[in-house]
Amino acid sequence: MKSLKILSLFFALFLISSNTAFAQSQRAELTDEQKEEMAQNIEEYFTALDLTEEQETEFEAITKKYAEQMKAVRDGGGRRLQKYKKVKSIRENKNAEMKKLLTKDQYKVYLNKQEEMQKKMKEKRNN
Protein backbone atom coordinates (compact mmCIF):
# COMPACT_ATOMS: atom_id res chain seq x y z
CA MET A 1 0.00 0.00 0.00
CA LYS A 2 2.72 2.44 1.00
CA SER A 3 4.84 1.52 -2.03
CA LEU A 4 1.83 2.11 -4.31
CA LYS A 5 1.46 5.66 -2.94
CA ILE A 6 5.16 6.32 -3.41
CA LEU A 7 5.05 4.94 -6.94
CA SER A 8 2.03 7.12 -7.74
CA LEU A 9 3.78 10.17 -6.34
CA PHE A 10 6.90 9.55 -8.44
CA PHE A 11 4.77 9.02 -11.54
CA ALA A 12 2.91 12.30 -10.93
CA LEU A 13 6.18 14.18 -10.42
CA PHE A 14 7.55 12.65 -13.61
CA LEU A 15 4.52 13.81 -15.59
CA ILE A 16 4.72 17.33 -14.17
CA SER A 17 8.45 17.67 -14.84
CA SER A 18 8.21 16.30 -18.39
CA ASN A 19 5.31 18.65 -19.16
CA THR A 20 7.26 21.63 -17.82
CA ALA A 21 10.35 20.70 -19.83
CA PHE A 22 8.25 20.34 -23.00
CA ALA A 23 6.59 23.72 -22.45
CA GLN A 24 9.96 25.41 -21.92
CA SER A 25 11.42 23.87 -25.06
CA GLN A 26 8.39 25.02 -27.06
CA ARG A 27 8.75 28.56 -25.71
CA ALA A 28 12.40 28.80 -26.73
CA GLU A 29 11.64 28.10 -30.43
CA LEU A 30 11.64 31.07 -32.78
CA THR A 31 8.74 31.63 -35.18
CA ASP A 32 9.37 31.66 -38.93
CA GLU A 33 8.78 35.41 -38.99
CA GLN A 34 11.33 35.95 -36.21
CA LYS A 35 13.86 33.73 -37.98
CA GLU A 36 13.38 35.66 -41.22
CA GLU A 37 13.73 39.01 -39.47
CA MET A 38 16.84 37.79 -37.68
CA ALA A 39 18.33 36.61 -40.99
CA GLN A 40 17.67 40.02 -42.55
CA ASN A 41 19.28 41.77 -39.58
CA ILE A 42 22.30 39.49 -39.76
CA GLU A 43 22.66 40.19 -43.48
CA GLU A 44 22.55 43.95 -42.78
CA TYR A 45 25.31 43.50 -40.20
CA PHE A 46 27.41 41.42 -42.61
CA THR A 47 27.20 44.18 -45.21
CA ALA A 48 27.86 47.04 -42.78
CA LEU A 49 30.73 45.29 -40.98
CA ASP A 50 32.45 43.73 -44.00
CA LEU A 51 33.06 40.49 -42.10
CA THR A 52 35.37 37.68 -43.13
CA GLU A 53 33.82 34.24 -43.71
CA GLU A 54 35.11 33.07 -40.33
CA GLN A 55 33.68 36.13 -38.61
CA GLU A 56 30.34 35.66 -40.38
CA THR A 57 29.99 32.13 -39.05
CA GLU A 58 30.87 33.14 -35.50
CA PHE A 59 28.74 36.31 -35.69
CA GLU A 60 25.70 34.31 -36.74
CA ALA A 61 26.22 31.73 -33.99
CA ILE A 62 26.53 34.42 -31.31
CA THR A 63 23.48 36.27 -32.63
CA LYS A 64 21.30 33.14 -32.63
CA LYS A 65 22.44 32.14 -29.17
CA TYR A 66 21.49 35.46 -27.64
CA ALA A 67 18.28 35.82 -29.69
CA GLU A 68 17.03 32.58 -28.18
CA GLN A 69 17.92 33.84 -24.70
CA MET A 70 16.08 37.11 -25.36
CA LYS A 71 13.01 35.26 -26.60
CA ALA A 72 13.00 33.07 -23.50
CA VAL A 73 13.07 36.19 -21.30
CA ARG A 74 10.33 37.86 -23.31
CA ASP A 75 8.09 34.80 -23.24
CA GLY A 76 8.87 33.95 -19.62
CA GLY A 77 7.11 35.24 -16.58
CA GLY A 78 8.28 37.85 -14.19
CA ARG A 79 8.09 41.54 -13.58
CA ARG A 80 9.13 44.15 -16.08
CA LEU A 81 12.12 45.24 -14.00
CA GLN A 82 13.35 41.64 -13.73
CA LYS A 83 12.98 41.17 -17.47
CA TYR A 84 14.76 44.46 -18.14
CA LYS A 85 17.70 43.40 -15.97
CA LYS A 86 17.91 40.03 -17.72
CA VAL A 87 17.76 41.65 -21.16
CA LYS A 88 20.44 44.15 -20.18
CA SER A 89 22.67 41.34 -18.92
CA ILE A 90 22.15 39.31 -22.09
CA ARG A 91 22.94 42.35 -24.24
CA GLU A 92 26.13 43.05 -22.25
CA ASN A 93 27.27 39.43 -22.62
CA LYS A 94 26.57 39.50 -26.35
CA ASN A 95 28.46 42.76 -26.78
CA ALA A 96 31.43 41.33 -24.87
CA GLU A 97 31.57 38.35 -27.24
CA MET A 98 31.21 40.61 -30.26
CA LYS A 99 34.01 42.85 -29.03
CA LYS A 100 36.32 39.82 -28.95
CA LEU A 101 35.24 38.76 -32.45
CA LEU A 102 35.35 42.12 -34.24
CA THR A 103 38.11 44.62 -34.91
CA LYS A 104 37.87 48.01 -33.15
CA ASP A 105 36.43 49.69 -36.25
CA GLN A 106 33.96 46.85 -36.85
CA TYR A 107 32.87 46.99 -33.23
CA LYS A 108 32.14 50.73 -33.51
CA VAL A 109 30.02 50.09 -36.60
CA TYR A 110 28.34 47.19 -34.78
CA LEU A 111 27.35 49.46 -31.85
CA ASN A 112 25.99 52.11 -34.23
CA LYS A 113 24.04 49.47 -36.15
CA GLN A 114 22.71 48.10 -32.86
CA GLU A 115 21.39 51.56 -31.94
CA GLU A 116 19.65 51.80 -35.31
CA MET A 117 18.03 48.40 -34.78
CA GLN A 118 16.83 49.41 -31.32
CA LYS A 119 15.26 52.57 -32.74
CA LYS A 120 13.47 50.47 -35.37
CA MET A 121 12.19 48.13 -32.66
CA LYS A 122 10.86 51.06 -30.61
CA GLU A 123 9.12 52.51 -33.65
CA LYS A 124 7.65 49.11 -34.45
CA ARG A 125 6.34 48.76 -30.88
CA ASN A 126 4.84 52.27 -30.90
CA ASN A 127 2.88 51.64 -34.12
C-alpha atoms as a PDB file:
ATOM      1  CA  MET A   1       0.000   0.000   0.000  1.00  0.00           C
ATOM      2  CA  LYS A   2       2.721   2.444   0.999  1.00  0.00           C
ATOM      3  CA  SER A   3       4.840   1.521  -2.034  1.00  0.00           C
ATOM      4  CA  LEU A   4       1.831   2.112  -4.310  1.00  0.00           C
ATOM      5  CA  LYS A   5       1.457   5.657  -2.936  1.00  0.00           C
ATOM      6  CA  ILE A   6       5.160   6.325  -3.407  1.00  0.00           C
ATOM      7  CA  LEU A   7       5.052   4.944  -6.937  1.00  0.00           C
ATOM      8  CA  SER A   8       2.028   7.118  -7.742  1.00  0.00           C
ATOM      9  CA  LEU A   9       3.779  10.169  -6.337  1.00  0.00           C
ATOM     10  CA  PHE A  10       6.897   9.547  -8.443  1.00  0.00           C
ATOM     11  CA  PHE A  11       4.768   9.023 -11.537  1.00  0.00           C
ATOM     12  CA  ALA A  12       2.907  12.298 -10.930  1.00  0.00           C
ATOM     13  CA  LEU A  13       6.180  14.176 -10.424  1.00  0.00           C
ATOM     14  CA  PHE A  14       7.547  12.646 -13.612  1.00  0.00           C
ATOM     15  CA  LEU A  15       4.522  13.812 -15.592  1.00  0.00           C
ATOM     16  CA  ILE A  16       4.719  17.329 -14.173  1.00  0.00           C
ATOM     17  CA  SER A  17       8.450  17.667 -14.837  1.00  0.00           C
ATOM     18  CA  SER A  18       8.207  16.304 -18.387  1.00  0.00           C
ATOM     19  CA  ASN A  19       5.308  18.647 -19.158  1.00  0.00           C
ATOM     20  CA  THR A  20       7.262  21.633 -17.818  1.00  0.00           C
ATOM     21  CA  ALA A  21      10.351  20.699 -19.832  1.00  0.00           C
ATOM     22  CA  PHE A  22       8.251  20.341 -22.997  1.00  0.00           C
ATOM     23  CA  ALA A  23       6.594  23.722 -22.446  1.00  0.00           C
ATOM     24  CA  GLN A  24       9.958  25.407 -21.916  1.00  0.00           C
ATOM     25  CA  SER A  25      11.416  23.865 -25.061  1.00  0.00           C
ATOM     26  CA  GLN A  26       8.390  25.016 -27.064  1.00  0.00           C
ATOM     27  CA  ARG A  27       8.752  28.558 -25.711  1.00  0.00           C
ATOM     28  CA  ALA A  28      12.402  28.797 -26.733  1.00  0.00           C
ATOM     29  CA  GLU A  29      11.638  28.095 -30.427  1.00  0.00           C
ATOM     30  CA  LEU A  30      11.644  31.073 -32.779  1.00  0.00           C
ATOM     31  CA  THR A  31       8.739  31.628 -35.178  1.00  0.00           C
ATOM     32  CA  ASP A  32       9.367  31.659 -38.931  1.00  0.00           C
ATOM     33  CA  GLU A  33       8.781  35.413 -38.987  1.00  0.00           C
ATOM     34  CA  GLN A  34      11.331  35.948 -36.206  1.00  0.00           C
ATOM     35  CA  LYS A  35      13.864  33.726 -37.980  1.00  0.00           C
ATOM     36  CA  GLU A  36      13.380  35.658 -41.220  1.00  0.00           C
ATOM     37  CA  GLU A  37      13.732  39.013 -39.468  1.00  0.00           C
ATOM     38  CA  MET A  38      16.844  37.794 -37.682  1.00  0.00           C
ATOM     39  CA  ALA A  39      18.333  36.605 -40.989  1.00  0.00           C
ATOM     40  CA  GLN A  40      17.675  40.018 -42.550  1.00  0.00           C
ATOM     41  CA  ASN A  41      19.276  41.771 -39.583  1.00  0.00           C
ATOM     42  CA  ILE A  42      22.299  39.490 -39.764  1.00  0.00           C
ATOM     43  CA  GLU A  43      22.656  40.195 -43.475  1.00  0.00           C
ATOM     44  CA  GLU A  44      22.550  43.948 -42.784  1.00  0.00           C
ATOM     45  CA  TYR A  45      25.308  43.505 -40.202  1.00  0.00           C
ATOM     46  CA  PHE A  46      27.408  41.420 -42.610  1.00  0.00           C
ATOM     47  CA  THR A  47      27.200  44.184 -45.210  1.00  0.00           C
ATOM     48  CA  ALA A  48      27.863  47.035 -42.784  1.00  0.00           C
ATOM     49  CA  LEU A  49      30.726  45.292 -40.978  1.00  0.00           C
ATOM     50  CA  ASP A  50      32.453  43.732 -43.996  1.00  0.00           C
ATOM     51  CA  LEU A  51      33.055  40.486 -42.102  1.00  0.00           C
ATOM     52  CA  THR A  52      35.368  37.676 -43.129  1.00  0.00           C
ATOM     53  CA  GLU A  53      33.819  34.242 -43.705  1.00  0.00           C
ATOM     54  CA  GLU A  54      35.109  33.073 -40.331  1.00  0.00           C
ATOM     55  CA  GLN A  55      33.681  36.134 -38.613  1.00  0.00           C
ATOM     56  CA  GLU A  56      30.338  35.655 -40.378  1.00  0.00           C
ATOM     57  CA  THR A  57      29.986  32.125 -39.051  1.00  0.00           C
ATOM     58  CA  GLU A  58      30.870  33.137 -35.504  1.00  0.00           C
ATOM     59  CA  PHE A  59      28.744  36.306 -35.685  1.00  0.00           C
ATOM     60  CA  GLU A  60      25.702  34.307 -36.743  1.00  0.00           C
ATOM     61  CA  ALA A  61      26.218  31.728 -33.986  1.00  0.00           C
ATOM     62  CA  ILE A  62      26.531  34.421 -31.312  1.00  0.00           C
ATOM     63  CA  THR A  63      23.481  36.266 -32.627  1.00  0.00           C
ATOM     64  CA  LYS A  64      21.299  33.141 -32.634  1.00  0.00           C
ATOM     65  CA  LYS A  65      22.442  32.140 -29.167  1.00  0.00           C
ATOM     66  CA  TYR A  66      21.490  35.465 -27.645  1.00  0.00           C
ATOM     67  CA  ALA A  67      18.281  35.823 -29.690  1.00  0.00           C
ATOM     68  CA  GLU A  68      17.026  32.585 -28.177  1.00  0.00           C
ATOM     69  CA  GLN A  69      17.916  33.840 -24.704  1.00  0.00           C
ATOM     70  CA  MET A  70      16.081  37.113 -25.362  1.00  0.00           C
ATOM     71  CA  LYS A  71      13.010  35.262 -26.600  1.00  0.00           C
ATOM     72  CA  ALA A  72      13.004  33.073 -23.499  1.00  0.00           C
ATOM     73  CA  VAL A  73      13.066  36.188 -21.304  1.00  0.00           C
ATOM     74  CA  ARG A  74      10.332  37.862 -23.311  1.00  0.00           C
ATOM     75  CA  ASP A  75       8.094  34.795 -23.243  1.00  0.00           C
ATOM     76  CA  GLY A  76       8.873  33.951 -19.625  1.00  0.00           C
ATOM     77  CA  GLY A  77       7.109  35.238 -16.580  1.00  0.00           C
ATOM     78  CA  GLY A  78       8.284  37.853 -14.187  1.00  0.00           C
ATOM     79  CA  ARG A  79       8.091  41.536 -13.579  1.00  0.00           C
ATOM     80  CA  ARG A  80       9.132  44.155 -16.079  1.00  0.00           C
ATOM     81  CA  LEU A  81      12.117  45.236 -14.002  1.00  0.00           C
ATOM     82  CA  GLN A  82      13.349  41.638 -13.727  1.00  0.00           C
ATOM     83  CA  LYS A  83      12.985  41.175 -17.475  1.00  0.00           C
ATOM     84  CA  TYR A  84      14.756  44.459 -18.138  1.00  0.00           C
ATOM     85  CA  LYS A  85      17.698  43.400 -15.971  1.00  0.00           C
ATOM     86  CA  LYS A  86      17.906  40.029 -17.719  1.00  0.00           C
ATOM     87  CA  VAL A  87      17.760  41.652 -21.164  1.00  0.00           C
ATOM     88  CA  LYS A  88      20.440  44.153 -20.177  1.00  0.00           C
ATOM     89  CA  SER A  89      22.666  41.336 -18.923  1.00  0.00           C
ATOM     90  CA  ILE A  90      22.149  39.308 -22.087  1.00  0.00           C
ATOM     91  CA  ARG A  91      22.944  42.350 -24.239  1.00  0.00           C
ATOM     92  CA  GLU A  92      26.131  43.051 -22.255  1.00  0.00           C
ATOM     93  CA  ASN A  93      27.266  39.431 -22.625  1.00  0.00           C
ATOM     94  CA  LYS A  94      26.570  39.496 -26.350  1.00  0.00           C
ATOM     95  CA  ASN A  95      28.463  42.756 -26.781  1.00  0.00           C
ATOM     96  CA  ALA A  96      31.434  41.331 -24.873  1.00  0.00           C
ATOM     97  CA  GLU A  97      31.570  38.348 -27.237  1.00  0.00           C
ATOM     98  CA  MET A  98      31.211  40.606 -30.261  1.00  0.00           C
ATOM     99  CA  LYS A  99      34.010  42.851 -29.027  1.00  0.00           C
ATOM    100  CA  LYS A 100      36.317  39.820 -28.955  1.00  0.00           C
ATOM    101  CA  LEU A 101      35.243  38.762 -32.450  1.00  0.00           C
ATOM    102  CA  LEU A 102      35.349  42.117 -34.236  1.00  0.00           C
ATOM    103  CA  THR A 103      38.112  44.617 -34.907  1.00  0.00           C
ATOM    104  CA  LYS A 104      37.866  48.005 -33.151  1.00  0.00           C
ATOM    105  CA  ASP A 105      36.430  49.689 -36.248  1.00  0.00           C
ATOM    106  CA  GLN A 106      33.964  46.851 -36.853  1.00  0.00           C
ATOM    107  CA  TYR A 107      32.870  46.995 -33.230  1.00  0.00           C
ATOM    108  CA  LYS A 108      32.142  50.732 -33.514  1.00  0.00           C
ATOM    109  CA  VAL A 109      30.017  50.092 -36.602  1.00  0.00           C
ATOM    110  CA  TYR A 110      28.339  47.191 -34.776  1.00  0.00           C
ATOM    111  CA  LEU A 111      27.353  49.455 -31.851  1.00  0.00           C
ATOM    112  CA  ASN A 112      25.991  52.109 -34.233  1.00  0.00           C
ATOM    113  CA  LYS A 113      24.043  49.472 -36.146  1.00  0.00           C
ATOM    114  CA  GLN A 114      22.712  48.104 -32.864  1.00  0.00           C
ATOM    115  CA  GLU A 115      21.389  51.562 -31.941  1.00  0.00           C
ATOM    116  CA  GLU A 116      19.646  51.799 -35.308  1.00  0.00           C
ATOM    117  CA  MET A 117      18.032  48.405 -34.778  1.00  0.00           C
ATOM    118  CA  GLN A 118      16.833  49.413 -31.317  1.00  0.00           C
ATOM    119  CA  LYS A 119      15.257  52.571 -32.738  1.00  0.00           C
ATOM    120  CA  LYS A 120      13.471  50.467 -35.374  1.00  0.00           C
ATOM    121  CA  MET A 121      12.194  48.128 -32.665  1.00  0.00           C
ATOM    122  CA  LYS A 122      10.858  51.062 -30.613  1.00  0.00           C
ATOM    123  CA  GLU A 123       9.120  52.509 -33.649  1.00  0.00           C
ATOM    124  CA  LYS A 124       7.653  49.112 -34.455  1.00  0.00           C
ATOM    125  CA  ARG A 125       6.338  48.763 -30.881  1.00  0.00           C
ATOM    126  CA  ASN A 126       4.835  52.265 -30.905  1.00  0.00           C
ATOM    127  CA  ASN A 127       2.881  51.645 -34.116  1.00  0.00           C
END
